Each structure stands twice: as structure tokens, then as C-alpha cells.
Amino acid sequence: MSLKIRLSRGGAKKRPFYRVVVADSRMPRDGRFIERLGIFDPLKAKDSADRLVLDHEKAQAWIAKGAQPTDRVARLLDGLGVIKREPHSNPKQALPKKKAQERAAAAAAAAEKAAAAAAS
């Protein structure tokens, strides 16, 4: 049985509220879980103390037992110092795509041509 530490959604429409739970990965997102570790309220300010309330010892115990946190929960646990998470980096994502590169090359050529015409 593969265990996940994940968020289970609650709250009203457009007012999310999450519980941090340990669940079997085959169970539905809001379905059966093994243990509740804490709560996460994304609507509160990022520097608010009660935005994330979590039992650190239980989380570390479940991780030691082999439970894998999801990406979002790993980010939250890293913020609390429970686990160390490597930041994701995709440097190619910020580069312009093919058409934008072609437009930039055409603009540079036009600017060069205008500068050469102005110089002569």
C-alpha cells in the first residue's frame, strides 16, 4: 500500500479549506484517509501563523514509515522545516519560443538596416 501525505479539500464553493491527511494513494482526494495531520487555509495571509497548522512529529513519523508527500505538501513541509525539498528549475521555460525568436531576429535585422542607412 503506497501512502501519500496530501491535501483533502473542504469548504464552500470558491472558499477552499484543506486538511493535510495521510491516505492510501488509491483512495479519492476527499475520501477515506488514515490520519489527519493538520489544516491549511490558503485564503489567510502568507505570514499568518494559523495558515498552516501541522503536527510536525506525526508528519516526520509518517515520512519515516514511507509516506510520500505530494508536491504542494512537500512545499508546505519545507516551509516549516520538516523536510528539505529541492527547488524545481526549468531554465528553458523562460526562453522565448520559435516565433518570438524569429520576430526578434527580424527586428534586429531591421534595426541594423536602419542604422546602416542612417550612417550613409
Protein backbone atom coordinates (compact mmCIF):
# COMPACT_ATOMS: atom_id res chain seq x y z
CA MET A 1 0.00 0.00 0.00
CA SER A 2 1.52 3.32 -1.05
CA LEU A 3 0.79 6.14 1.34
CA LYS A 4 0.55 9.80 0.42
CA ILE A 5 0.55 12.88 2.58
CA ARG A 6 -1.83 15.10 0.66
CA LEU A 7 -4.46 17.81 0.85
CA SER A 8 -8.13 16.92 1.21
CA ARG A 9 -10.41 19.75 0.13
CA GLY A 10 -13.25 21.09 2.20
CA GLY A 11 -15.00 24.41 2.46
CA ALA A 12 -17.60 26.07 0.29
CA LYS A 13 -17.51 26.88 -3.39
CA LYS A 14 -14.69 29.36 -4.13
CA ARG A 15 -13.70 29.27 -0.42
CA PRO A 16 -11.21 26.38 -0.21
CA PHE A 17 -10.06 24.88 3.04
CA TYR A 18 -7.77 21.87 3.17
CA ARG A 19 -6.91 19.14 5.65
CA VAL A 20 -3.42 17.64 5.50
CA VAL A 21 -4.04 13.90 5.65
CA VAL A 22 -2.23 10.60 5.25
CA ALA A 23 -4.16 8.43 2.82
CA ASP A 24 -3.79 5.40 0.61
CA SER A 25 -2.94 6.70 -2.85
CA ARG A 26 -5.80 4.67 -4.36
CA MET A 27 -8.47 6.48 -2.32
CA PRO A 28 -10.30 9.56 -3.68
CA ARG A 29 -8.96 13.02 -2.88
CA ASP A 30 -11.68 13.82 -0.36
CA GLY A 31 -12.36 10.22 0.57
CA ARG A 32 -11.10 7.85 3.21
CA PHE A 33 -7.87 8.72 4.99
CA ILE A 34 -5.76 7.12 7.68
CA GLU A 35 -4.86 10.10 9.85
CA ARG A 36 -5.29 13.86 9.84
CA LEU A 37 -2.04 15.75 10.39
CA GLY A 38 -3.25 19.34 10.24
CA ILE A 39 -5.05 22.04 8.30
CA PHE A 40 -4.14 24.50 5.54
CA ASP A 41 -6.15 27.65 4.82
CA PRO A 42 -4.92 29.27 1.57
CA LEU A 43 -7.20 32.29 2.00
CA LYS A 44 -5.26 33.56 5.00
CA ALA A 45 -2.22 35.80 4.58
CA LYS A 46 1.07 34.04 3.83
CA ASP A 47 2.66 35.36 7.01
CA SER A 48 -0.31 34.34 9.17
CA ALA A 49 0.58 31.85 11.90
CA ASP A 50 -2.61 29.83 11.53
CA ARG A 51 -2.48 29.50 7.74
CA LEU A 52 -0.85 26.08 8.19
CA VAL A 53 -1.33 24.18 11.44
CA LEU A 54 0.50 20.86 11.39
CA ASP A 55 1.70 18.22 13.85
CA HIS A 56 5.41 18.06 12.96
CA GLU A 57 6.14 14.85 14.88
CA LYS A 58 3.33 12.93 13.20
CA ALA A 59 4.43 14.16 9.77
CA GLN A 60 8.02 13.09 10.36
CA ALA A 61 6.85 9.72 11.71
CA TRP A 62 4.73 9.06 8.60
CA ILE A 63 7.58 10.10 6.30
CA ALA A 64 9.85 7.70 8.20
CA LYS A 65 7.27 4.96 7.60
CA GLY A 66 7.44 5.63 3.85
CA ALA A 67 4.59 8.06 3.17
CA GLN A 68 5.37 10.32 0.22
CA PRO A 69 4.22 13.94 0.36
CA THR A 70 2.67 15.42 -2.78
CA ASP A 71 4.42 18.38 -4.42
CA ARG A 72 2.26 21.00 -2.69
CA VAL A 73 2.52 19.32 0.72
CA ALA A 74 6.29 18.95 0.28
CA ARG A 75 6.49 22.69 -0.37
CA LEU A 76 4.45 23.38 2.78
CA LEU A 77 6.55 20.99 4.88
CA ASP A 78 9.72 22.59 3.55
CA GLY A 79 8.43 25.99 4.62
CA LEU A 80 8.02 24.65 8.16
CA GLY A 81 11.42 22.95 8.14
CA VAL A 82 10.04 19.41 8.47
CA ILE A 83 11.71 18.13 5.28
CA LYS A 84 14.22 19.50 2.78
CA ARG A 85 12.87 19.92 -0.75
CA GLU A 86 14.97 20.63 -3.80
CA PRO A 87 13.56 23.58 -5.76
CA HIS A 88 12.41 22.77 -9.27
CA SER A 89 14.20 24.58 -12.04
CA ASN A 90 13.32 24.67 -15.71
CA PRO A 91 15.52 27.35 -17.30
CA LYS A 92 14.23 26.61 -20.82
CA GLN A 93 10.68 27.55 -19.82
CA ALA A 94 11.52 31.27 -19.64
CA LEU A 95 13.14 31.37 -23.08
CA PRO A 96 11.12 32.81 -25.98
CA LYS A 97 9.53 30.29 -28.30
CA LYS A 98 10.38 29.85 -32.01
CA LYS A 99 8.08 32.55 -33.44
CA ALA A 100 9.19 35.11 -30.86
CA GLN A 101 12.84 34.37 -31.66
CA GLU A 102 12.11 34.85 -35.38
CA ARG A 103 10.37 38.19 -34.69
CA ALA A 104 13.29 39.35 -32.52
CA ALA A 105 15.79 38.39 -35.25
CA ALA A 106 13.71 40.25 -37.87
CA ALA A 107 13.52 43.34 -35.65
CA ALA A 108 17.27 43.25 -35.04
CA ALA A 109 17.91 42.97 -38.80
CA ALA A 110 15.57 45.90 -39.49
CA ALA A 111 17.29 48.00 -36.82
CA GLU A 112 20.69 47.14 -38.29
CA LYS A 113 19.49 48.09 -41.77
CA ALA A 114 18.08 51.41 -40.48
CA ALA A 115 21.33 52.19 -38.66
CA ALA A 116 23.35 51.43 -41.81
CA ALA A 117 21.05 53.69 -43.90
CA ALA A 118 21.35 56.50 -41.35
CA ALA A 119 25.16 56.21 -41.32
CA SER A 120 25.48 56.57 -45.10
